[in-house]
Amino acid sequence: MDTTEAIASGHEGPAHLPFFITAPGETDWLLIAMMTLLALSVIGIGVFYLKLHALPEHMAHKGQKIQYEIVAVLALLALFTHNHAFWIIGLLLALIPIPDFITPVTSMAQSLGRMADRTDARVPPPPTRVVPAEPAEPVVVQREG
């Protein structure tokens, strides 16, 4: 059937339209569903990204405070610079326990302080200040002869 013959016979389109084509003036439910799916997908991916990005901080939270602070700074640097090396370094730092050097050194310093404060019988007392006596009168020796 030719186009001019279709127009002349009053045939304007197919008899059955697919479900995603809406009639003029009606609500397009497929568009609304796709917009909702798109919005939920963007929000879901954003939440997943931020949870994954905060993973090193959550892992370092049970460690020492200084380790947690370093990992948190590295995670923020990675977030704002989009440099993945900072995030990987922070993750590795969160996985590796840092030995505690401060506590033994503090204990040694306190022990040395207690040792310095105590008095011991074996240690001689510090010298006392000696007040010089007044000089005696000179002795005059006479020689005979």
N, C-alpha and C. Protein backbone atom coordinates (compact mmCIF):
# COMPACT_ATOMS: atom_id res chain seq x y z
N MET A 1 0.85 -1.15 0.00
CA MET A 1 0.00 0.00 0.00
C MET A 1 0.90 1.22 0.00
N ASP A 2 0.60 2.13 -0.83
CA ASP A 2 1.37 3.35 -0.99
C ASP A 2 0.96 4.34 0.09
N THR A 3 1.78 5.33 0.37
CA THR A 3 1.50 6.32 1.42
C THR A 3 0.25 7.13 1.08
N THR A 4 0.14 7.52 -0.16
CA THR A 4 -1.04 8.32 -0.55
C THR A 4 -2.31 7.50 -0.45
N GLU A 5 -2.25 6.22 -0.79
CA GLU A 5 -3.42 5.36 -0.68
C GLU A 5 -3.80 5.15 0.78
N ALA A 6 -2.78 5.04 1.71
CA ALA A 6 -3.06 4.84 3.13
C ALA A 6 -3.74 6.06 3.72
N ILE A 7 -3.30 7.26 3.31
CA ILE A 7 -3.90 8.49 3.82
C ILE A 7 -5.31 8.64 3.28
N ALA A 8 -5.50 8.29 2.03
CA ALA A 8 -6.82 8.41 1.42
C ALA A 8 -7.82 7.44 2.03
N SER A 9 -7.35 6.26 2.45
CA SER A 9 -8.28 5.26 3.01
C SER A 9 -8.55 5.51 4.49
N GLY A 10 -7.87 6.47 5.11
CA GLY A 10 -8.08 6.78 6.52
C GLY A 10 -7.22 5.96 7.46
N HIS A 11 -6.33 5.18 6.92
CA HIS A 11 -5.44 4.36 7.72
C HIS A 11 -4.27 5.22 8.16
N GLU A 12 -4.19 5.56 9.48
CA GLU A 12 -3.16 6.48 9.96
C GLU A 12 -2.00 5.78 10.66
N GLY A 13 -2.10 4.56 11.03
CA GLY A 13 -1.02 3.87 11.72
C GLY A 13 -1.37 2.42 11.96
N PRO A 14 -0.46 1.70 12.60
CA PRO A 14 -0.74 0.29 12.88
C PRO A 14 -1.86 0.15 13.90
N ALA A 15 -2.48 -0.98 13.86
CA ALA A 15 -3.63 -1.22 14.75
C ALA A 15 -3.17 -1.48 16.18
N HIS A 16 -2.00 -2.08 16.36
CA HIS A 16 -1.51 -2.42 17.69
C HIS A 16 -0.16 -1.74 17.92
N LEU A 17 -0.06 -0.94 19.00
CA LEU A 17 1.19 -0.27 19.34
C LEU A 17 1.87 -1.00 20.50
N PRO A 18 3.20 -0.98 20.56
CA PRO A 18 3.91 -1.62 21.69
C PRO A 18 3.54 -0.92 23.01
N PHE A 19 3.82 -1.60 24.13
CA PHE A 19 3.40 -1.08 25.44
C PHE A 19 4.15 0.18 25.85
N PHE A 20 5.33 0.40 25.32
CA PHE A 20 6.13 1.56 25.76
C PHE A 20 5.76 2.85 25.03
N ILE A 21 4.88 2.77 24.08
CA ILE A 21 4.42 3.98 23.39
C ILE A 21 3.10 4.39 24.02
N THR A 22 3.06 5.59 24.54
CA THR A 22 1.86 6.06 25.22
C THR A 22 1.04 6.95 24.30
N ALA A 23 -0.19 6.99 24.61
CA ALA A 23 -1.08 7.86 23.84
C ALA A 23 -0.83 9.31 24.26
N PRO A 24 -1.12 10.25 23.40
CA PRO A 24 -0.90 11.66 23.75
C PRO A 24 -1.72 12.05 24.98
N GLY A 25 -1.04 12.75 25.93
CA GLY A 25 -1.71 13.23 27.13
C GLY A 25 -1.73 12.24 28.27
N GLU A 26 -1.23 11.03 28.10
CA GLU A 26 -1.22 10.03 29.17
C GLU A 26 0.16 9.99 29.82
N THR A 27 0.23 9.40 31.01
CA THR A 27 1.48 9.31 31.76
C THR A 27 2.36 8.21 31.19
N ASP A 28 3.63 8.53 31.04
CA ASP A 28 4.60 7.56 30.53
C ASP A 28 5.22 6.83 31.73
N TRP A 29 4.64 5.67 32.06
CA TRP A 29 5.08 4.92 33.24
C TRP A 29 6.47 4.34 33.05
N LEU A 30 6.85 4.00 31.86
CA LEU A 30 8.18 3.46 31.61
C LEU A 30 9.25 4.52 31.88
N LEU A 31 8.99 5.75 31.50
CA LEU A 31 9.92 6.85 31.77
C LEU A 31 10.08 7.07 33.27
N ILE A 32 8.97 7.05 33.99
CA ILE A 32 9.02 7.23 35.44
C ILE A 32 9.79 6.09 36.10
N ALA A 33 9.56 4.85 35.66
CA ALA A 33 10.27 3.70 36.21
C ALA A 33 11.77 3.79 35.94
N MET A 34 12.16 4.19 34.74
CA MET A 34 13.57 4.29 34.40
C MET A 34 14.26 5.43 35.16
N MET A 35 13.53 6.54 35.36
CA MET A 35 14.11 7.65 36.14
C MET A 35 14.32 7.23 37.59
N THR A 36 13.38 6.49 38.14
CA THR A 36 13.51 6.00 39.51
C THR A 36 14.67 5.02 39.62
N LEU A 37 14.76 4.10 38.66
CA LEU A 37 15.86 3.14 38.65
C LEU A 37 17.21 3.85 38.52
N LEU A 38 17.29 4.85 37.68
CA LEU A 38 18.53 5.60 37.50
C LEU A 38 18.92 6.33 38.78
N ALA A 39 17.96 6.98 39.43
CA ALA A 39 18.26 7.71 40.67
C ALA A 39 18.71 6.75 41.77
N LEU A 40 18.02 5.64 41.93
CA LEU A 40 18.42 4.66 42.95
C LEU A 40 19.78 4.04 42.64
N SER A 41 20.07 3.82 41.36
CA SER A 41 21.37 3.26 40.98
C SER A 41 22.50 4.24 41.29
N VAL A 42 22.32 5.50 40.98
CA VAL A 42 23.36 6.50 41.25
C VAL A 42 23.60 6.62 42.76
N ILE A 43 22.51 6.66 43.54
CA ILE A 43 22.66 6.75 45.00
C ILE A 43 23.32 5.49 45.55
N GLY A 44 22.91 4.32 45.07
CA GLY A 44 23.50 3.05 45.53
C GLY A 44 24.98 2.94 45.20
N ILE A 45 25.36 3.33 43.99
CA ILE A 45 26.77 3.27 43.60
C ILE A 45 27.58 4.28 44.43
N GLY A 46 27.01 5.45 44.71
CA GLY A 46 27.71 6.44 45.54
C GLY A 46 27.93 5.94 46.95
N VAL A 47 26.92 5.31 47.54
CA VAL A 47 27.06 4.77 48.89
C VAL A 47 28.09 3.65 48.91
N PHE A 48 28.06 2.78 47.91
CA PHE A 48 29.04 1.70 47.82
C PHE A 48 30.46 2.26 47.69
N TYR A 49 30.63 3.29 46.87
CA TYR A 49 31.95 3.90 46.68
C TYR A 49 32.46 4.50 47.98
N LEU A 50 31.61 5.22 48.69
CA LEU A 50 32.05 5.84 49.94
C LEU A 50 32.33 4.81 51.02
N LYS A 51 31.53 3.72 51.07
CA LYS A 51 31.80 2.65 52.03
C LYS A 51 33.13 1.97 51.72
N LEU A 52 33.38 1.71 50.45
CA LEU A 52 34.63 1.10 50.05
C LEU A 52 35.80 2.03 50.32
N HIS A 53 35.56 3.31 50.12
CA HIS A 53 36.63 4.29 50.33
C HIS A 53 36.97 4.43 51.82
N ALA A 54 36.01 4.22 52.70
CA ALA A 54 36.23 4.33 54.14
C ALA A 54 36.70 3.01 54.76
N LEU A 55 36.88 1.98 53.97
CA LEU A 55 37.30 0.68 54.48
C LEU A 55 38.61 0.73 55.26
N PRO A 56 39.68 1.39 54.76
CA PRO A 56 40.91 1.43 55.56
C PRO A 56 40.72 2.10 56.92
N GLU A 57 39.89 3.13 56.98
CA GLU A 57 39.66 3.80 58.25
C GLU A 57 38.95 2.88 59.24
N HIS A 58 37.99 2.10 58.77
CA HIS A 58 37.29 1.17 59.66
C HIS A 58 38.23 0.08 60.14
N MET A 59 39.15 -0.34 59.28
CA MET A 59 40.10 -1.38 59.68
C MET A 59 41.11 -0.86 60.68
N ALA A 60 41.55 0.40 60.53
CA ALA A 60 42.55 0.97 61.43
C ALA A 60 41.94 1.47 62.72
N HIS A 61 40.62 1.49 62.81
CA HIS A 61 39.97 2.02 64.01
C HIS A 61 40.30 1.21 65.25
N LYS A 62 40.53 -0.11 65.09
CA LYS A 62 40.84 -0.93 66.25
C LYS A 62 42.30 -0.86 66.64
N GLY A 63 43.13 -0.25 65.82
CA GLY A 63 44.56 -0.14 66.12
C GLY A 63 44.87 1.05 67.01
N GLN A 64 46.07 1.55 66.86
CA GLN A 64 46.51 2.69 67.66
C GLN A 64 45.97 3.98 67.09
N LYS A 65 45.95 5.00 67.92
CA LYS A 65 45.38 6.28 67.50
C LYS A 65 46.19 6.92 66.38
N ILE A 66 47.51 6.88 66.49
CA ILE A 66 48.35 7.51 65.47
C ILE A 66 48.19 6.80 64.13
N GLN A 67 48.06 5.47 64.17
CA GLN A 67 47.85 4.71 62.94
C GLN A 67 46.51 5.08 62.31
N TYR A 68 45.49 5.21 63.12
CA TYR A 68 44.16 5.61 62.62
C TYR A 68 44.21 6.99 61.98
N GLU A 69 44.91 7.92 62.61
CA GLU A 69 44.97 9.28 62.08
C GLU A 69 45.72 9.32 60.75
N ILE A 70 46.80 8.58 60.62
CA ILE A 70 47.56 8.55 59.37
C ILE A 70 46.71 7.94 58.25
N VAL A 71 46.02 6.85 58.56
CA VAL A 71 45.17 6.19 57.56
C VAL A 71 44.02 7.12 57.15
N ALA A 72 43.45 7.85 58.11
CA ALA A 72 42.36 8.77 57.79
C ALA A 72 42.84 9.90 56.87
N VAL A 73 44.03 10.42 57.12
CA VAL A 73 44.57 11.48 56.27
C VAL A 73 44.84 10.95 54.86
N LEU A 74 45.39 9.75 54.77
CA LEU A 74 45.63 9.16 53.45
C LEU A 74 44.32 8.91 52.70
N ALA A 75 43.29 8.49 53.42
CA ALA A 75 41.99 8.26 52.77
C ALA A 75 41.39 9.57 52.26
N LEU A 76 41.53 10.64 53.04
CA LEU A 76 41.02 11.93 52.57
C LEU A 76 41.81 12.44 51.37
N LEU A 77 43.13 12.26 51.41
CA LEU A 77 43.93 12.65 50.25
C LEU A 77 43.51 11.88 49.00
N ALA A 78 43.27 10.59 49.17
CA ALA A 78 42.85 9.77 48.03
C ALA A 78 41.47 10.20 47.52
N LEU A 79 40.60 10.59 48.44
CA LEU A 79 39.25 10.99 48.04
C LEU A 79 39.27 12.29 47.24
N PHE A 80 40.03 13.26 47.69
CA PHE A 80 40.01 14.57 47.05
C PHE A 80 40.96 14.70 45.86
N THR A 81 42.01 13.87 45.80
CA THR A 81 42.94 13.96 44.67
C THR A 81 42.70 12.89 43.63
N HIS A 82 41.86 11.92 43.92
CA HIS A 82 41.60 10.78 43.02
C HIS A 82 42.89 10.04 42.69
N ASN A 83 43.82 10.04 43.64
CA ASN A 83 45.07 9.30 43.49
C ASN A 83 44.92 8.00 44.27
N HIS A 84 44.87 6.90 43.56
CA HIS A 84 44.61 5.61 44.19
C HIS A 84 45.78 5.11 45.02
N ALA A 85 46.96 5.65 44.79
CA ALA A 85 48.13 5.22 45.56
C ALA A 85 47.95 5.54 47.04
N PHE A 86 47.35 6.68 47.36
CA PHE A 86 47.12 7.04 48.76
C PHE A 86 46.18 6.04 49.43
N TRP A 87 45.15 5.62 48.70
CA TRP A 87 44.20 4.68 49.27
C TRP A 87 44.86 3.32 49.50
N ILE A 88 45.68 2.89 48.56
CA ILE A 88 46.36 1.59 48.70
C ILE A 88 47.35 1.64 49.86
N ILE A 89 48.08 2.74 50.00
CA ILE A 89 49.02 2.88 51.12
C ILE A 89 48.26 2.88 52.44
N GLY A 90 47.14 3.58 52.49
CA GLY A 90 46.32 3.60 53.70
C GLY A 90 45.78 2.22 54.04
N LEU A 91 45.37 1.47 53.03
CA LEU A 91 44.86 0.11 53.26
C LEU A 91 45.97 -0.79 53.79
N LEU A 92 47.15 -0.72 53.20
CA LEU A 92 48.26 -1.54 53.67
C LEU A 92 48.68 -1.14 55.08
N LEU A 93 48.67 0.15 55.36
CA LEU A 93 49.02 0.62 56.70
C LEU A 93 47.99 0.16 57.73
N ALA A 94 46.73 0.09 57.33
CA ALA A 94 45.68 -0.39 58.24
C ALA A 94 45.82 -1.88 58.50
N LEU A 95 46.32 -2.62 57.53
CA LEU A 95 46.47 -4.07 57.69
C LEU A 95 47.68 -4.46 58.53
N ILE A 96 48.73 -3.63 58.51
CA ILE A 96 49.98 -3.96 59.20
C ILE A 96 49.95 -3.34 60.59
N PRO A 97 50.08 -4.15 61.65
CA PRO A 97 50.11 -3.56 62.99
C PRO A 97 51.46 -2.87 63.23
N ILE A 98 51.39 -1.64 63.71
CA ILE A 98 52.61 -0.89 64.00
C ILE A 98 53.02 -1.20 65.43
N PRO A 99 54.29 -1.58 65.66
CA PRO A 99 54.71 -1.88 67.03
C PRO A 99 54.68 -0.62 67.89
N ASP A 100 54.43 -0.82 69.17
CA ASP A 100 54.34 0.28 70.11
C ASP A 100 55.73 0.56 70.69
N PHE A 101 56.35 1.65 70.26
CA PHE A 101 57.67 2.02 70.75
C PHE A 101 57.58 2.99 71.92
N ILE A 102 56.51 3.72 72.03
CA ILE A 102 56.40 4.79 73.02
C ILE A 102 56.25 4.23 74.43
N THR A 103 55.46 3.18 74.62
CA THR A 103 55.21 2.65 75.96
C THR A 103 56.49 2.15 76.63
N PRO A 104 57.35 1.35 75.98
CA PRO A 104 58.58 0.92 76.66
C PRO A 104 59.52 2.09 76.98
N VAL A 105 59.60 3.04 76.07
CA VAL A 105 60.49 4.18 76.31
C VAL A 105 59.96 5.01 77.48
N THR A 106 58.66 5.19 77.56
CA THR A 106 58.06 5.92 78.68
C THR A 106 58.29 5.17 79.99
N SER A 107 58.16 3.87 79.97
CA SER A 107 58.40 3.07 81.17
C SER A 107 59.85 3.18 81.62
N MET A 108 60.78 3.16 80.67
CA MET A 108 62.20 3.30 81.02
C MET A 108 62.47 4.67 81.64
N ALA A 109 61.87 5.70 81.07
CA ALA A 109 62.08 7.04 81.60
C ALA A 109 61.52 7.17 83.01
N GLN A 110 60.35 6.58 83.26
CA GLN A 110 59.79 6.63 84.60
C GLN A 110 60.63 5.84 85.60
N SER A 111 61.16 4.69 85.18
CA SER A 111 62.02 3.91 86.07
C SER A 111 63.31 4.65 86.40
N LEU A 112 63.90 5.28 85.40
CA LEU A 112 65.11 6.06 85.66
C LEU A 112 64.82 7.24 86.58
N GLY A 113 63.65 7.83 86.43
CA GLY A 113 63.27 8.93 87.32
C GLY A 113 63.11 8.46 88.75
N ARG A 114 62.52 7.28 88.95
CA ARG A 114 62.37 6.74 90.31
C ARG A 114 63.73 6.37 90.89
N MET A 115 64.61 5.83 90.05
CA MET A 115 65.95 5.48 90.54
C MET A 115 66.72 6.72 90.94
N ALA A 116 66.54 7.79 90.24
CA ALA A 116 67.27 9.02 90.56
C ALA A 116 66.72 9.67 91.83
N ASP A 117 65.46 9.47 92.15
CA ASP A 117 64.86 10.10 93.33
C ASP A 117 65.11 9.34 94.62
N ARG A 118 65.34 8.06 94.59
CA ARG A 118 65.46 7.29 95.83
C ARG A 118 66.85 7.46 96.43
N THR A 119 66.94 7.31 97.75
CA THR A 119 68.23 7.38 98.45
C THR A 119 68.66 5.96 98.75
N ASP A 120 69.91 5.68 98.50
CA ASP A 120 70.44 4.33 98.67
C ASP A 120 71.63 4.41 99.63
N ALA A 121 71.79 3.39 100.50
CA ALA A 121 72.89 3.40 101.48
C ALA A 121 74.24 3.24 100.80
N ARG A 122 74.27 2.58 99.70
CA ARG A 122 75.55 2.35 99.02
C ARG A 122 76.06 3.61 98.33
N VAL A 123 75.20 4.51 98.07
CA VAL A 123 75.61 5.73 97.38
C VAL A 123 76.02 6.75 98.44
N PRO A 124 77.23 7.28 98.34
CA PRO A 124 77.65 8.27 99.36
C PRO A 124 76.80 9.52 99.25
N PRO A 125 76.54 10.15 100.38
CA PRO A 125 75.74 11.37 100.33
C PRO A 125 76.52 12.48 99.63
N PRO A 126 75.82 13.43 99.11
CA PRO A 126 76.54 14.51 98.43
C PRO A 126 77.37 15.30 99.44
N PRO A 127 78.48 15.86 98.98
CA PRO A 127 79.36 16.60 99.91
C PRO A 127 78.63 17.82 100.46
N THR A 128 78.89 18.06 101.75
CA THR A 128 78.30 19.24 102.37
C THR A 128 79.26 20.40 102.18
N ARG A 129 78.75 21.56 102.29
CA ARG A 129 79.58 22.74 102.10
C ARG A 129 80.40 22.96 103.37
N VAL A 130 81.68 23.08 103.15
CA VAL A 130 82.60 23.30 104.28
C VAL A 130 82.82 24.79 104.42
N VAL A 131 82.56 25.27 105.65
CA VAL A 131 82.79 26.69 105.91
C VAL A 131 84.22 26.84 106.38
N PRO A 132 85.01 27.65 105.69
CA PRO A 132 86.41 27.78 106.11
C PRO A 132 86.50 28.49 107.47
N ALA A 133 87.42 28.00 108.27
CA ALA A 133 87.64 28.61 109.59
C ALA A 133 88.39 29.91 109.42
N GLU A 134 88.25 30.75 110.43
CA GLU A 134 88.99 32.02 110.36
C GLU A 134 90.47 31.72 110.49
N PRO A 135 91.29 32.43 109.79
CA PRO A 135 92.73 32.15 109.86
C PRO A 135 93.27 32.46 111.26
N ALA A 136 94.09 31.56 111.70
CA ALA A 136 94.73 31.76 113.03
C ALA A 136 95.81 32.82 112.92
N GLU A 137 96.19 33.31 114.08
CA GLU A 137 97.25 34.33 114.06
C GLU A 137 98.55 33.66 113.64
N PRO A 138 99.31 34.36 112.87
CA PRO A 138 100.57 33.76 112.42
C PRO A 138 101.49 33.44 113.59
N VAL A 139 102.11 32.34 113.48
CA VAL A 139 103.07 31.92 114.50
C VAL A 139 104.44 32.44 114.09
N VAL A 140 105.04 33.14 115.00
CA VAL A 140 106.34 33.69 114.72
C VAL A 140 107.39 32.78 115.37
N VAL A 141 108.28 32.34 114.61
CA VAL A 141 109.35 31.46 115.11
C VAL A 141 110.62 32.31 115.19
N GLN A 142 111.21 32.31 116.36
CA GLN A 142 112.44 33.08 116.53
C GLN A 142 113.61 32.11 116.44
N ARG A 143 114.63 32.55 115.80
CA ARG A 143 115.83 31.74 115.68
C ARG A 143 116.88 32.26 116.65
N GLU A 144 117.54 31.39 117.15
CA GLU A 144 118.61 31.78 118.04
C GLU A 144 119.89 31.89 117.25
N GLY A 145 120.53 32.77 117.57
CA GLY A 145 121.84 32.82 117.05
C GLY A 145 122.31 33.89 116.32
